C-alpha atoms as a PDB file:
ATOM      1  CA  MET A   1     143.956 -97.100  44.309  1.00  0.00           C
ATOM      2  CA  LEU A   2     140.814 -99.084  43.499  1.00  0.00           C
ATOM      3  CA  VAL A   3     138.529 -96.133  44.200  1.00  0.00           C
ATOM      4  CA  ARG A   4     139.066 -94.234  40.952  1.00  0.00           C
ATOM      5  CA  PRO A   5     137.977 -97.026  38.561  1.00  0.00           C
ATOM      6  CA  ARG A   6     134.856 -97.577  40.656  1.00  0.00           C
ATOM      7  CA  ALA A   7     134.019 -93.866  40.481  1.00  0.00           C
ATOM      8  CA  CYS A   8     134.464 -93.734  36.713  1.00  0.00           C
ATOM      9  CA  VAL A   9     131.306 -95.801  36.185  1.00  0.00           C
ATOM     10  CA  TYR A  10     129.359 -92.608  36.950  1.00  0.00           C
ATOM     11  CA  LEU A  11     130.655 -91.150  33.687  1.00  0.00           C
ATOM     12  CA  MET A  12     127.834 -93.195  32.177  1.00  0.00           C
ATOM     13  CA  ALA A  13     125.452 -90.425  33.302  1.00  0.00           C
ATOM     14  CA  TRP A  14     127.069 -88.136  30.744  1.00  0.00           C
ATOM     15  CA  LEU A  15     125.559 -90.355  28.053  1.00  0.00           C
ATOM     16  CA  PHE A  16     122.265 -88.496  28.497  1.00  0.00           C
ATOM     17  CA  PRO A  17     123.498 -85.131  27.150  1.00  0.00           C
ATOM     18  CA  LEU A  18     125.999 -86.758  24.783  1.00  0.00           C
ATOM     19  CA  LEU A  19     123.392 -89.017  23.162  1.00  0.00           C
ATOM     20  CA  THR A  20     121.035 -86.050  22.907  1.00  0.00           C
ATOM     21  CA  LEU A  21     123.729 -84.123  21.021  1.00  0.00           C
ATOM     22  CA  LEU A  22     124.340 -87.171  18.823  1.00  0.00           C
ATOM     23  CA  GLY A  23     120.632 -87.419  18.035  1.00  0.00           C
ATOM     24  CA  MET A  24     120.455 -83.745  17.075  1.00  0.00           C
ATOM     25  CA  GLN A  25     123.465 -84.142  14.807  1.00  0.00           C
ATOM     26  CA  THR A  26     122.168 -87.354  13.219  1.00  0.00           C
ATOM     27  CA  GLY A  27     118.635 -86.117  12.559  1.00  0.00           C
ATOM     28  CA  GLY A  28     115.644 -88.107  11.379  1.00  0.00           C
ATOM     29  CA  ILE A  29     114.848 -91.230  13.365  1.00  0.00           C
ATOM     30  CA  GLY A  30     118.280 -90.847  14.965  1.00  0.00           C
ATOM     31  CA  SER A  31     116.847 -88.065  17.118  1.00  0.00           C
ATOM     32  CA  PHE A  32     115.202 -90.796  19.226  1.00  0.00           C
ATOM     33  CA  VAL A  33     118.527 -92.431  20.179  1.00  0.00           C
ATOM     34  CA  LEU A  34     118.380 -91.211  23.798  1.00  0.00           C
ATOM     35  CA  PRO A  35     114.776 -92.311  24.551  1.00  0.00           C
ATOM     36  CA  LEU A  36     115.577 -95.721  23.065  1.00  0.00           C
ATOM     37  CA  PHE A  37     118.712 -95.922  25.188  1.00  0.00           C
ATOM     38  CA  ALA A  38     116.967 -94.810  28.401  1.00  0.00           C
ATOM     39  CA  PHE A  39     113.757 -96.833  28.160  1.00  0.00           C
ATOM     40  CA  VAL A  40     114.793 -99.879  26.113  1.00  0.00           C
ATOM     41  CA  LEU A  41     118.527-100.545  26.348  1.00  0.00           C
ATOM     42  CA  VAL A  42     118.952 -99.602  30.021  1.00  0.00           C
ATOM     43  CA  PRO A  43     116.134-101.893  31.255  1.00  0.00           C
ATOM     44  CA  LEU A  44     117.576-104.706  29.139  1.00  0.00           C
ATOM     45  CA  ALA A  45     121.048-104.045  30.581  1.00  0.00           C
ATOM     46  CA  ASP A  46     119.600-104.096  34.107  1.00  0.00           C
ATOM     47  CA  LEU A  47     117.996-107.453  33.376  1.00  0.00           C
ATOM     48  CA  ALA A  48     121.205-108.866  31.904  1.00  0.00           C
ATOM     49  CA  ILE A  49     123.663-107.549  34.509  1.00  0.00           C
ATOM     50  CA  GLY A  50     121.274-107.694  37.438  1.00  0.00           C
ATOM     51  CA  ARG A  51     121.432-106.245  40.906  1.00  0.00           C
ATOM     52  CA  ALA A  52     124.411-105.431  43.053  1.00  0.00           C
ATOM     53  CA  PRO A  53     124.784-107.417  46.261  1.00  0.00           C
ATOM     54  CA  ARG A  54     123.396-105.635  49.297  1.00  0.00           C
ATOM     55  CA  LEU A  55     126.050-103.022  50.027  1.00  0.00           C
ATOM     56  CA  PRO A  56     127.055-101.624  53.406  1.00  0.00           C
ATOM     57  CA  ASN A  57     127.769 -97.940  53.816  1.00  0.00           C
ATOM     58  CA  ARG A  58     130.810 -96.921  51.769  1.00  0.00           C
ATOM     59  CA  ALA A  59     133.327 -94.106  51.716  1.00  0.00           C
ATOM     60  CA  GLY A  60     132.559 -91.103  49.508  1.00  0.00           C
ATOM     61  CA  ASN A  61     134.602 -90.374  46.404  1.00  0.00           C
ATOM     62  CA  GLN A  62     135.954 -87.055  45.123  1.00  0.00           C
ATOM     63  CA  VAL A  63     136.230 -88.272  41.525  1.00  0.00           C
ATOM     64  CA  ALA A  64     132.530 -89.152  41.597  1.00  0.00           C
ATOM     65  CA  ASP A  65     131.768 -85.615  42.784  1.00  0.00           C
ATOM     66  CA  TRP A  66     133.752 -84.102  39.902  1.00  0.00           C
ATOM     67  CA  ILE A  67     131.791 -86.251  37.468  1.00  0.00           C
ATOM     68  CA  LEU A  68     128.558 -85.073  39.074  1.00  0.00           C
ATOM     69  CA  GLN A  69     129.576 -81.414  38.736  1.00  0.00           C
ATOM     70  CA  GLY A  70     130.584 -82.005  35.128  1.00  0.00           C
ATOM     71  CA  TYR A  71     126.965 -82.800  34.288  1.00  0.00           C
ATOM     72  CA  VAL A  72     126.030 -79.143  34.846  1.00  0.00           C
ATOM     73  CA  PRO A  73     127.895 -77.532  31.907  1.00  0.00           C
ATOM     74  CA  LEU A  74     127.109 -80.536  29.695  1.00  0.00           C
ATOM     75  CA  CYS A  75     123.373 -80.142  30.340  1.00  0.00           C
ATOM     76  CA  LEU A  76     123.457 -76.361  29.784  1.00  0.00           C
ATOM     77  CA  PHE A  77     125.436 -76.726  26.557  1.00  0.00           C
ATOM     78  CA  THR A  78     123.066 -79.401  25.249  1.00  0.00           C
ATOM     79  CA  LEU A  79     120.035 -77.213  25.898  1.00  0.00           C
ATOM     80  CA  ALA A  80     121.708 -74.191  24.250  1.00  0.00           C
ATOM     81  CA  PHE A  81     122.696 -76.268  21.212  1.00  0.00           C
ATOM     82  CA  GLY A  82     119.174 -77.650  20.894  1.00  0.00           C
ATOM     83  CA  VAL A  83     117.558 -74.221  21.088  1.00  0.00           C
ATOM     84  CA  MET A  84     119.932 -72.851  18.428  1.00  0.00           C
ATOM     85  CA  GLN A  85     119.245 -75.789  16.085  1.00  0.00           C
ATOM     86  CA  SER A  86     115.491 -76.036  16.677  1.00  0.00           C
ATOM     87  CA  ALA A  87     114.439 -73.894  13.700  1.00  0.00           C
ATOM     88  CA  HIS A  88     115.938 -76.482  11.315  1.00  0.00           C
ATOM     89  CA  TRP A  89     114.208 -79.563  12.766  1.00  0.00           C
ATOM     90  CA  SER A  90     111.531 -81.545  10.949  1.00  0.00           C
ATOM     91  CA  HIS A  91     108.372 -82.479  12.865  1.00  0.00           C
ATOM     92  CA  LEU A  92     109.832 -85.921  13.644  1.00  0.00           C
ATOM     93  CA  GLU A  93     113.117 -84.404  14.810  1.00  0.00           C
ATOM     94  CA  TRP A  94     111.264 -81.857  16.932  1.00  0.00           C
ATOM     95  CA  VAL A  95     109.537 -84.652  18.857  1.00  0.00           C
ATOM     96  CA  GLY A  96     112.643 -86.798  19.256  1.00  0.00           C
ATOM     97  CA  ASN A  97     115.038 -83.984  20.134  1.00  0.00           C
ATOM     98  CA  THR A  98     112.681 -82.243  22.547  1.00  0.00           C
ATOM     99  CA  LEU A  99     111.960 -85.541  24.284  1.00  0.00           C
ATOM    100  CA  SER A 100     115.702 -86.180  24.521  1.00  0.00           C
ATOM    101  CA  LEU A 101     116.317 -82.720  25.961  1.00  0.00           C
ATOM    102  CA  GLY A 102     113.565 -83.349  28.493  1.00  0.00           C
ATOM    103  CA  VAL A 103     115.105 -86.636  29.603  1.00  0.00           C
ATOM    104  CA  THR A 104     118.491 -84.912  29.911  1.00  0.00           C
ATOM    105  CA  ALA A 105     116.871 -82.162  31.987  1.00  0.00           C
ATOM    106  CA  GLY A 106     115.172 -84.794  34.159  1.00  0.00           C
ATOM    107  CA  VAL A 107     118.499 -86.465  34.907  1.00  0.00           C
ATOM    108  CA  GLY A 108     119.782 -82.946  35.516  1.00  0.00           C
ATOM    109  CA  ILE A 109     117.286 -82.699  38.375  1.00  0.00           C
ATOM    110  CA  VAL A 110     118.825 -85.899  39.791  1.00  0.00           C
ATOM    111  CA  ALA A 111     122.259 -84.237  39.718  1.00  0.00           C
ATOM    112  CA  ALA A 112     120.822 -80.985  41.109  1.00  0.00           C
ATOM    113  CA  HIS A 113     119.113 -82.927  43.894  1.00  0.00           C
ATOM    114  CA  GLU A 114     122.458 -84.370  44.947  1.00  0.00           C
ATOM    115  CA  LEU A 115     124.259 -81.017  44.718  1.00  0.00           C
ATOM    116  CA  GLY A 116     121.450 -79.324  46.630  1.00  0.00           C
ATOM    117  CA  HIS A 117     122.074 -81.518  49.662  1.00  0.00           C
ATOM    118  CA  ARG A 118     125.700 -80.408  49.976  1.00  0.00           C
ATOM    119  CA  ARG A 119     126.906 -77.811  52.480  1.00  0.00           C
ATOM    120  CA  SER A 120     129.094 -75.988  49.934  1.00  0.00           C
ATOM    121  CA  VAL A 121     127.600 -72.705  48.698  1.00  0.00           C
ATOM    122  CA  TRP A 122     129.228 -73.324  45.302  1.00  0.00           C
ATOM    123  CA  LEU A 123     127.625 -76.750  44.907  1.00  0.00           C
ATOM    124  CA  ARG A 124     124.232 -75.467  46.019  1.00  0.00           C
ATOM    125  CA  THR A 125     124.554 -72.669  43.446  1.00  0.00           C
ATOM    126  CA  LEU A 126     125.266 -75.247  40.733  1.00  0.00           C
ATOM    127  CA  SER A 127     122.145 -77.076  41.902  1.00  0.00           C
ATOM    128  CA  ARG A 128     119.998 -73.976  41.482  1.00  0.00           C
ATOM    129  CA  ILE A 129     121.363 -73.198  38.006  1.00  0.00           C
ATOM    130  CA  LEU A 130     120.785 -76.769  36.854  1.00  0.00           C
ATOM    131  CA  LEU A 131     117.210 -76.698  38.153  1.00  0.00           C
ATOM    132  CA  TRP A 132     116.498 -73.633  36.015  1.00  0.00           C
ATOM    133  CA  VAL A 133     116.923 -75.851  32.947  1.00  0.00           C
ATOM    134  CA  SER A 134     113.737 -77.674  33.965  1.00  0.00           C
ATOM    135  CA  ALA A 135     112.021 -74.538  35.371  1.00  0.00           C
ATOM    136  CA  TYR A 136     111.921 -76.234  38.787  1.00  0.00           C
ATOM    137  CA  GLY A 137     114.251 -74.164  40.944  1.00  0.00           C
ATOM    138  CA  HIS A 138     111.844 -74.183  43.888  1.00  0.00           C
ATOM    139  CA  PHE A 139     112.241 -77.976  44.143  1.00  0.00           C
ATOM    140  CA  ARG A 140     115.419 -77.719  46.235  1.00  0.00           C
ATOM    141  CA  VAL A 141     113.670 -75.589  48.878  1.00  0.00           C
ATOM    142  CA  GLU A 142     110.656 -77.869  49.314  1.00  0.00           C
ATOM    143  CA  HIS A 143     112.622 -81.092  48.958  1.00  0.00           C
ATOM    144  CA  ASN A 144     115.238 -80.288  51.585  1.00  0.00           C
ATOM    145  CA  ARG A 145     113.031 -78.558  54.138  1.00  0.00           C
ATOM    146  CA  GLY A 146     109.652 -80.134  53.407  1.00  0.00           C
ATOM    147  CA  HIS A 147     109.864 -83.560  51.807  1.00  0.00           C
ATOM    148  CA  HIS A 148     112.601 -84.870  54.096  1.00  0.00           C
ATOM    149  CA  VAL A 149     110.537 -83.833  57.122  1.00  0.00           C
ATOM    150  CA  TRP A 150     107.055 -84.924  56.019  1.00  0.00           C
ATOM    151  CA  VAL A 151     107.781 -87.880  53.718  1.00  0.00           C
ATOM    152  CA  ALA A 152     105.179 -90.676  53.920  1.00  0.00           C
ATOM    153  CA  THR A 153     102.620 -88.388  55.590  1.00  0.00           C
ATOM    154  CA  PRO A 154      99.569 -86.552  54.189  1.00  0.00           C
ATOM    155  CA  TYR A 155     101.544 -83.290  54.469  1.00  0.00           C
ATOM    156  CA  ASP A 156     104.064 -84.294  51.794  1.00  0.00           C
ATOM    157  CA  PRO A 157     102.982 -83.508  48.217  1.00  0.00           C
ATOM    158  CA  ALA A 158     105.763 -85.787  46.900  1.00  0.00           C
ATOM    159  CA  THR A 159     104.367 -88.933  48.558  1.00  0.00           C
ATOM    160  CA  ALA A 160     101.850 -90.847  46.425  1.00  0.00           C
ATOM    161  CA  ARG A 161      98.886 -92.434  48.219  1.00  0.00           C
ATOM    162  CA  ARG A 162      97.788 -95.976  47.546  1.00  0.00           C
ATOM    163  CA  ASN A 163      95.372 -96.156  44.565  1.00  0.00           C
ATOM    164  CA  GLN A 164      96.424 -92.673  43.441  1.00  0.00           C
ATOM    165  CA  PRO A 165      97.239 -92.715  39.706  1.00  0.00           C
ATOM    166  CA  TYR A 166     100.347 -90.900  38.550  1.00  0.00           C
ATOM    167  CA  TYR A 167      98.324 -88.354  36.613  1.00  0.00           C
ATOM    168  CA  ALA A 168      96.490 -87.178  39.747  1.00  0.00           C
ATOM    169  CA  PHE A 169      99.733 -87.310  41.704  1.00  0.00           C
ATOM    170  CA  TRP A 170     101.453 -85.121  39.097  1.00  0.00           C
ATOM    171  CA  TRP A 171      99.092 -82.221  39.817  1.00  0.00           C
ATOM    172  CA  GLN A 172      99.392 -82.757  43.580  1.00  0.00           C
ATOM    173  CA  ALA A 173     103.196 -82.785  43.418  1.00  0.00           C
ATOM    174  CA  VAL A 174     103.702 -79.905  40.988  1.00  0.00           C
ATOM    175  CA  THR A 175     101.353 -77.494  42.752  1.00  0.00           C
ATOM    176  CA  GLY A 176     102.216 -78.730  46.246  1.00  0.00           C
ATOM    177  CA  THR A 177     105.964 -78.395  45.704  1.00  0.00           C
ATOM    178  CA  LEU A 178     105.570 -74.756  44.644  1.00  0.00           C
ATOM    179  CA  ARG A 179     103.245 -73.957  47.569  1.00  0.00           C
ATOM    180  CA  GLY A 180     105.542 -75.753  49.993  1.00  0.00           C
ATOM    181  CA  ALA A 181     108.621 -73.892  48.755  1.00  0.00           C
ATOM    182  CA  TRP A 182     106.842 -70.556  49.137  1.00  0.00           C
ATOM    183  CA  THR A 183     105.695 -71.457  52.654  1.00  0.00           C
ATOM    184  CA  GLN A 184     109.219 -72.509  53.641  1.00  0.00           C
ATOM    185  CA  GLU A 185     110.764 -69.323  52.295  1.00  0.00           C
ATOM    186  CA  ALA A 186     108.073 -67.052  53.771  1.00  0.00           C
ATOM    187  CA  GLY A 187     108.699 -68.662  57.171  1.00  0.00           C
ATOM    188  CA  ARG A 188     112.446 -68.187  56.836  1.00  0.00           C
ATOM    189  CA  LEU A 189     112.064 -64.536  55.886  1.00  0.00           C
ATOM    190  CA  MET A 190     109.610 -63.924  58.714  1.00  0.00           C
ATOM    191  CA  LYS A 191     112.374 -64.875  61.165  1.00  0.00           C
ATOM    192  CA  LEU A 192     114.505 -62.186  59.488  1.00  0.00           C
ATOM    193  CA  GLN A 193     111.617 -59.729  59.897  1.00  0.00           C
ATOM    194  CA  LEU A 194     111.157 -59.525  56.132  1.00  0.00           C
ATOM    195  CA  PRO A 195     107.929 -59.952  54.119  1.00  0.00           C
ATOM    196  CA  GLY A 196     107.422 -63.162  52.184  1.00  0.00           C
ATOM    197  CA  TRP A 197     107.474 -61.341  48.844  1.00  0.00           C
ATOM    198  CA  HIS A 198     110.943 -59.868  49.510  1.00  0.00           C
ATOM    199  CA  TRP A 199     113.551 -60.381  46.761  1.00  0.00           C
ATOM    200  CA  LYS A 200     115.538 -62.619  49.127  1.00  0.00           C
ATOM    201  CA  ASN A 201     112.778 -65.215  48.739  1.00  0.00           C
ATOM    202  CA  GLU A 202     114.515 -68.032  46.857  1.00  0.00           C
ATOM    203  CA  VAL A 203     111.320 -68.833  44.963  1.00  0.00           C
ATOM    204  CA  TRP A 204     111.421 -65.371  43.340  1.00  0.00           C
ATOM    205  CA  GLN A 205     115.117 -65.804  42.560  1.00  0.00           C
ATOM    206  CA  ASN A 206     114.480 -69.145  40.874  1.00  0.00           C
ATOM    207  CA  ILE A 207     111.582 -67.742  38.877  1.00  0.00           C
ATOM    208  CA  ALA A 208     113.922 -64.970  37.710  1.00  0.00           C
ATOM    209  CA  GLY A 209     116.545 -67.551  36.698  1.00  0.00           C
ATOM    210  CA  THR A 210     113.976 -69.572  34.762  1.00  0.00           C
ATOM    211  CA  LEU A 211     112.614 -66.484  32.991  1.00  0.00           C
ATOM    212  CA  THR A 212     116.169 -65.490  32.081  1.00  0.00           C
ATOM    213  CA  LEU A 213     116.744 -68.837  30.341  1.00  0.00           C
ATOM    214  CA  ALA A 214     113.373 -68.564  28.621  1.00  0.00           C
ATOM    215  CA  LEU A 215     114.211 -65.045  27.419  1.00  0.00           C
ATOM    216  CA  LEU A 216     117.585 -66.199  26.103  1.00  0.00           C
ATOM    217  CA  ALA A 217     115.902 -69.071  24.239  1.00  0.00           C
ATOM    218  CA  TRP A 218     113.477 -66.607  22.644  1.00  0.00           C
ATOM    219  CA  LEU A 219     116.221 -64.126  21.724  1.00  0.00           C
ATOM    220  CA  VAL A 220     118.324 -66.879  20.131  1.00  0.00           C
ATOM    221  CA  ALA A 221     115.626 -68.811  18.254  1.00  0.00           C
ATOM    222  CA  GLY A 222     112.363 -66.914  18.586  1.00  0.00           C
ATOM    223  CA  ASN A 223     109.108 -68.648  19.401  1.00  0.00           C
ATOM    224  CA  THR A 224     110.496 -72.034  18.288  1.00  0.00           C
ATOM    225  CA  GLY A 225     113.390 -71.826  20.748  1.00  0.00           C
ATOM    226  CA  LEU A 226     111.077 -70.694  23.539  1.00  0.00           C
ATOM    227  CA  LEU A 227     108.684 -73.573  22.836  1.00  0.00           C
ATOM    228  CA  VAL A 228     111.546 -76.087  22.924  1.00  0.00           C
ATOM    229  CA  TYR A 229     112.704 -74.704  26.283  1.00  0.00           C
ATOM    230  CA  VAL A 230     109.205 -74.856  27.785  1.00  0.00           C
ATOM    231  CA  VAL A 231     108.343 -78.345  26.517  1.00  0.00           C
ATOM    232  CA  GLN A 232     111.658 -79.922  27.535  1.00  0.00           C
ATOM    233  CA  ALA A 233     111.299 -78.321  30.972  1.00  0.00           C
ATOM    234  CA  VAL A 234     107.817 -79.821  31.440  1.00  0.00           C
ATOM    235  CA  ILE A 235     109.140 -83.239  30.385  1.00  0.00           C
ATOM    236  CA  GLY A 236     112.059 -82.829  32.773  1.00  0.00           C
ATOM    237  CA  PHE A 237     110.055 -82.029  35.905  1.00  0.00           C
ATOM    238  CA  SER A 238     107.385 -84.572  34.938  1.00  0.00           C
ATOM    239  CA  LEU A 239     110.103 -87.243  34.957  1.00  0.00           C
ATOM    240  CA  LEU A 240     111.115 -86.039  38.413  1.00  0.00           C
ATOM    241  CA  GLU A 241     107.550 -86.390  39.636  1.00  0.00           C
ATOM    242  CA  VAL A 242     107.110 -89.887  38.218  1.00  0.00           C
ATOM    243  CA  VAL A 243     110.284 -90.825  40.100  1.00  0.00           C
ATOM    244  CA  ASP A 244     108.818 -89.241  43.256  1.00  0.00           C
ATOM    245  CA  TYR A 245     105.682 -91.300  42.619  1.00  0.00           C
ATOM    246  CA  ILE A 246     107.733 -94.492  42.483  1.00  0.00           C
ATOM    247  CA  GLU A 247     109.955 -93.763  45.471  1.00  0.00           C
ATOM    248  CA  HIS A 248     107.272 -93.588  48.185  1.00  0.00           C
ATOM    249  CA  TYR A 249     104.112 -95.017  46.609  1.00  0.00           C
ATOM    250  CA  GLY A 250     101.649 -96.235  49.246  1.00  0.00           C
ATOM    251  CA  LEU A 251     104.097 -95.979  52.154  1.00  0.00           C
ATOM    252  CA  VAL A 252     102.741 -94.323  55.290  1.00  0.00           C
ATOM    253  CA  ARG A 253     104.227 -93.368  58.647  1.00  0.00           C
ATOM    254  CA  HIS A 254     102.081 -94.315  61.623  1.00  0.00           C
ATOM    255  CA  ARG A 255     100.380 -91.403  63.385  1.00  0.00           C
ATOM    256  CA  PHE A 256     100.117 -91.566  67.158  1.00  0.00           C
ATOM    257  CA  ALA A 257      97.162 -90.408  69.236  1.00  0.00           C
ATOM    258  CA  ASP A 258      98.938 -87.138  70.088  1.00  0.00           C
ATOM    259  CA  GLY A 259      99.192 -86.274  66.399  1.00  0.00           C
ATOM    260  CA  HIS A 260     102.898 -86.945  66.007  1.00  0.00           C
ATOM    261  CA  PHE A 261     104.201 -89.310  63.327  1.00  0.00           C
ATOM    262  CA  GLU A 262     106.628 -92.132  63.864  1.00  0.00           C
ATOM    263  CA  ARG A 263     110.171 -91.276  62.843  1.00  0.00           C
ATOM    264  CA  THR A 264     111.142 -91.818  59.231  1.00  0.00           C
ATOM    265  CA  THR A 265     112.823 -95.164  58.614  1.00  0.00           C
ATOM    266  CA  ALA A 266     114.091 -97.051  55.595  1.00  0.00           C
ATOM    267  CA  ALA A 267     110.698 -98.787  55.500  1.00  0.00           C
ATOM    268  CA  HIS A 268     109.193 -95.585  54.079  1.00  0.00           C
ATOM    269  CA  SER A 269     111.126 -95.558  50.782  1.00  0.00           C
ATOM    270  CA  TRP A 270     111.226 -97.985  47.888  1.00  0.00           C
ATOM    271  CA  SER A 271     114.719 -98.829  46.661  1.00  0.00           C
ATOM    272  CA  THR A 272     116.413-100.892  44.005  1.00  0.00           C
ATOM    273  CA  ASN A 273     120.043-101.857  43.543  1.00  0.00           C
ATOM    274  CA  HIS A 274     120.206-102.557  39.804  1.00  0.00           C
ATOM    275  CA  LEU A 275     123.752-101.774  38.783  1.00  0.00           C
ATOM    276  CA  VAL A 276     123.476-100.052  35.407  1.00  0.00           C
ATOM    277  CA  SER A 277     120.626 -97.667  36.204  1.00  0.00           C
ATOM    278  CA  ASN A 278     122.216 -96.749  39.547  1.00  0.00           C
ATOM    279  CA  TRP A 279     125.432 -95.793  37.762  1.00  0.00           C
ATOM    280  CA  LEU A 280     123.436 -93.727  35.276  1.00  0.00           C
ATOM    281  CA  LEU A 281     121.351 -91.991  37.966  1.00  0.00           C
ATOM    282  CA  PHE A 282     124.023 -91.209  40.545  1.00  0.00           C
ATOM    283  CA  GLU A 283     122.769 -93.957  42.896  1.00  0.00           C
ATOM    284  CA  LEU A 284     119.354 -92.295  43.197  1.00  0.00           C
ATOM    285  CA  GLN A 285     117.670 -95.697  43.448  1.00  0.00           C
ATOM    286  CA  ARG A 286     119.337 -96.345  46.826  1.00  0.00           C
ATOM    287  CA  HIS A 287     116.660 -93.998  48.048  1.00  0.00           C
ATOM    288  CA  ALA A 288     116.051 -95.359  51.527  1.00  0.00           C
ATOM    289  CA  ASP A 289     119.685 -94.863  52.510  1.00  0.00           C
ATOM    290  CA  HIS A 290     119.497 -91.313  51.146  1.00  0.00           C
ATOM    291  CA  HIS A 291     116.570 -90.573  53.467  1.00  0.00           C
ATOM    292  CA  MET A 292     118.448 -92.057  56.384  1.00  0.00           C
ATOM    293  CA  ARG A 293     121.623 -90.102  55.565  1.00  0.00           C
ATOM    294  CA  PRO A 294     120.644 -87.124  53.354  1.00  0.00           C
ATOM    295  CA  LEU A 295     123.980 -85.313  53.683  1.00  0.00           C
ATOM    296  CA  VAL A 296     126.050 -88.326  52.591  1.00  0.00           C
ATOM    297  CA  PRO A 297     127.433 -88.134  49.004  1.00  0.00           C
ATOM    298  CA  PHE A 298     125.708 -90.411  46.501  1.00  0.00           C
ATOM    299  CA  SER A 299     128.855 -92.497  45.996  1.00  0.00           C
ATOM    300  CA  ALA A 300     128.766 -93.475  49.689  1.00  0.00           C
ATOM    301  CA  LEU A 301     125.171 -94.746  49.716  1.00  0.00           C
ATOM    302  CA  GLY A 302     124.487 -98.389  50.475  1.00  0.00           C
ATOM    303  CA  ASP A 303     121.422-100.528  51.164  1.00  0.00           C
ATOM    304  CA  GLN A 304     119.004-100.469  54.072  1.00  0.00           C
ATOM    305  CA  ALA A 305     117.579-103.818  55.152  1.00  0.00           C
ATOM    306  CA  GLU A 306     114.175-102.362  56.077  1.00  0.00           C
ATOM    307  CA  SER A 307     113.597-100.801  52.664  1.00  0.00           C
ATOM    308  CA  PRO A 308     111.082-102.544  50.374  1.00  0.00           C
ATOM    309  CA  MET A 309     112.624-103.375  47.010  1.00  0.00           C
ATOM    310  CA  LEU A 310     111.106-102.511  43.639  1.00  0.00           C
ATOM    311  CA  PRO A 311     110.710-105.384  41.170  1.00  0.00           C
ATOM    312  CA  ALA A 312     112.640-103.493  38.467  1.00  0.00           C
ATOM    313  CA  SER A 313     114.774-100.402  38.000  1.00  0.00           C
ATOM    314  CA  TYR A 314     113.399 -96.879  37.541  1.00  0.00           C
ATOM    315  CA  PRO A 315     113.215 -96.851  33.705  1.00  0.00           C
ATOM    316  CA  THR A 316     110.917 -99.893  33.756  1.00  0.00           C
ATOM    317  CA  MET A 317     108.934 -98.650  36.744  1.00  0.00           C
ATOM    318  CA  ILE A 318     108.391 -95.287  35.008  1.00  0.00           C
ATOM    319  CA  MET A 319     106.724 -97.048  32.089  1.00  0.00           C
ATOM    320  CA  LEU A 320     104.565 -99.067  34.506  1.00  0.00           C
ATOM    321  CA  ALA A 321     103.529 -95.935  36.414  1.00  0.00           C
ATOM    322  CA  LEU A 322     102.161 -94.418  33.210  1.00  0.00           C
ATOM    323  CA  CYS A 323      99.652 -97.313  33.026  1.00  0.00           C
ATOM    324  CA  PRO A 324      97.799 -97.237  36.392  1.00  0.00           C
ATOM    325  CA  PRO A 325      96.035-100.663  36.170  1.00  0.00           C
ATOM    326  CA  LEU A 326      99.327-102.389  35.399  1.00  0.00           C
ATOM    327  CA  TRP A 327     101.091-100.399  38.129  1.00  0.00           C
ATOM    328  CA  TYR A 328      98.510-101.435  40.732  1.00  0.00           C
ATOM    329  CA  ARG A 329      98.737-105.087  39.681  1.00  0.00           C
ATOM    330  CA  VAL A 330     102.506-105.082  40.119  1.00  0.00           C
ATOM    331  CA  MET A 331     102.831-102.903  43.218  1.00  0.00           C
ATOM    332  CA  HIS A 332      99.865-103.651  45.473  1.00  0.00           C
ATOM    333  CA  PRO A 333     100.854-107.255  46.279  1.00  0.00           C
ATOM    334  CA  ARG A 334     104.355-106.027  47.135  1.00  0.00           C
ATOM    335  CA  LEU A 335     102.959-103.201  49.232  1.00  0.00           C
ATOM    336  CA  ASP A 336     100.716-105.625  51.155  1.00  0.00           C
ATOM    337  CA  ARG A 337     103.600-108.038  51.663  1.00  0.00           C
ATOM    338  CA  HIS A 338     105.821-105.215  52.925  1.00  0.00           C
ATOM    339  CA  TYR A 339     103.329-104.229  55.622  1.00  0.00           C
ATOM    340  CA  GLN A 340     102.695-107.846  56.572  1.00  0.00           C
ATOM    341  CA  ASN A 341     106.429-108.304  57.074  1.00  0.00           C
ATOM    342  CA  LEU A 342     106.630-105.115  59.136  1.00  0.00           C
ATOM    343  CA  ALA A 343     103.713-106.224  61.318  1.00  0.00           C
ATOM    344  CA  THR A 344     105.388-109.600  61.891  1.00  0.00           C
ATOM    345  CA  GLU A 345     108.731-108.000  62.760  1.00  0.00           C
ATOM    346  CA  ARG A 346     107.141-105.524  65.164  1.00  0.00           C
ATOM    347  CA  GLY A 347     105.110-108.287  66.769  1.00  0.00           C
ATOM    348  CA  LEU A 348     108.250-110.349  67.334  1.00  0.00           C
ATOM    349  CA  ALA A 349     110.054-107.312  68.702  1.00  0.00           C
ATOM    350  CA  ALA A 350     107.215-106.621  71.140  1.00  0.00           C
ATOM    351  CA  THR A 351     107.475-110.154  72.546  1.00  0.00           C
END
């Protein structure tokens, strides 16, 4: 009976589309209510409430899954409402509302990521539709079949190298994710004796879904609506890539003399267990446990002892990542300490 109240904390994620709608209705400086919430109030709440204790693996929760699925229509409705209202925005409102829509789309990718790992065809379909909002439908293909295999190796476009600034990583990740998705789908179709450009290629299908949303935005609100759709999509997938940057920055799997890499462990993902931001982001920050158990629902994720811990939650780390010198100053000592600890542990194990 105690499970339902615990699951209801994930309703906080709905604040992203709801605050975006509130900002569009309020107008003026009120259009920035969501960015202020996400990048000012949430970090302050994380500081005040702090981290959860290290959690063991938990049971999944059906109520949490319903809340996750509920994000899909909320996100689609918010985008549609924004496109329809965009012709009436002032310049200030255009910036604030489009930024808010982009943040909502970025959190939509978090929800789509979770849905895309499920076995249910219905849930995977919801994942694809939600990814069309941010014009990033190919992400699910590369993430599931590429990133989870090659994470923390040079073959993974979503793993940031040490000393690589976010802005260089962004290009690597955006282009590499698309190439990787195409390669994965072409390989799958080859096994079916079909050409890579066949309509069954999921990359083509996702491009068609994205173009359909773009066309609808243009039909509803002309060039203004189309521009809003495009800009919020770029903001959305750029937020995804800054999160990717944070999650594996500088972490590398050892390569053996025969060319094979060591198996992926929790030591190859940064995590954080700040309560508020984890509730808002469907436990995405328990990232190491997700890599260890990718098919486990987000509400069942716990902590992995080997995982290095970030000094702050994702909203704060995102702001740091946008300033490379500050990011390096904060992260490199922690990265060095992580590998020193690993070397010590492996040396003790060898003796």
